[in-house]
Amino acid sequence: MQGWIKLHRRVMESSTFQTLTLNQKMIAIYLLLKVNHKDGIWTDQYKGIQVEVKRGQVVTSPQKIAEDWFRKDKEITRQVVRTTLSKLEKLDFLTKQSTKQYTLVTIVNYGFYQEDDQPDNQVSNQSLTNSQPSLNQALTTNKNVKNVKNDKELYDDEKRTENPHTFYEQNFGILKPFVIQSITEWCTEMSDELVLASMKVALRNNKISFGYCEAILKDWQSKGVQTLEDARAAQRNLQPDRKSNVTPIRPTEKKYNYGF
C-alpha cells in the first residue's frame, strides 16, 4: 500500500478522540490508513467472493486488525478490537457491516478528513457540488445526518467534561490494562456517564476498586437503568428509612445527595 493520508492537528482536541484509550486511538488511526482512497473491488480468491469497496471503506476483521499492525502488541487482542469498533460505531466515527466471510468498515466522515484543500472553498462549494460527485456518495441520507453530528462532536469540547479512564486514574490509581479494558467495555455496554456515576458512588463509600464499580453497574443493569435519572432512582431505593419518634408538623421531602 502506497501514498499518504491527512491527519489534522485538531484531532488532538476532538471530544470523540478524548473518550478513547491510547490503544483505541491507534486502532482508529490504523483504520484511516487502511481504508480505500478511491472506489475498488475486494476479492476473496479462495471463496470466489467479490465486494465493491467504496472510498473510505475497507474489508477487514478484528483478527486481521489485531494481527496486522499490532501483531507484536499483546494488549491489542481481537476482543479489544471488537470493543473498539463498537465504541467507534457508537460515536458515529464508523459503521460496520458484518457477514460470515468479512466485515465492511466505513469511515463515516472520511470525505471530510481527506478532502483536498480548495481556495475559496465556501464560495465555490455550490459549483463544486453541481460539477462533481459528492465525496460522501456512498453514504445514505441518514449517514449524512450522522456526518453533521460527527463534525460537531469532533470540534466541540464542551459536550464531554469527564473521561472515565482519566477520572479513574485521578481518583483510584494507576490504570492497568485489565481495568482499561473493563472500563471500555462497560462504557460501550452502558454509557460513559453511568460508568462515571458508579465510580463516584464507590468513592463516596470509600471503595477504591473498580470491582466495586462493576458490582454497582451490574445491579443497575439488572434493574434496567439507562440514564443518570434511572441510576438516581435505583440508589434512592437503597437508602434506609430513618424512623423518628418526633412527628413533623409539615412533612418534608427527602433530599438525597447522590454525588453524580
Foldseek 3Di string as FASTA:
>chain_A
DDDDAFDDPLLVVFLLCVQDDPVLNVLLVVLLVAAAQAWDWDADVVVGDIDTGGHQKDKAALCRSCCPPPVVPPLRDSLNSVLSVLSCVVLLQWDWDDDPVIIMIGRLQSCVRGPDDDPPCVVCVVVCVVPDPDPRNVDDPVSVVSNVVNVCSGNDNVVDDDHLVVVLCVPQHDDDSVNSSVLSNLCSVANRVLLVLLCQQCVVVVHSDVVSSVVLSVVLVVVVDRDPVSSVVVVVVVDDDDDDPDDDPDDDDDDDDSRD
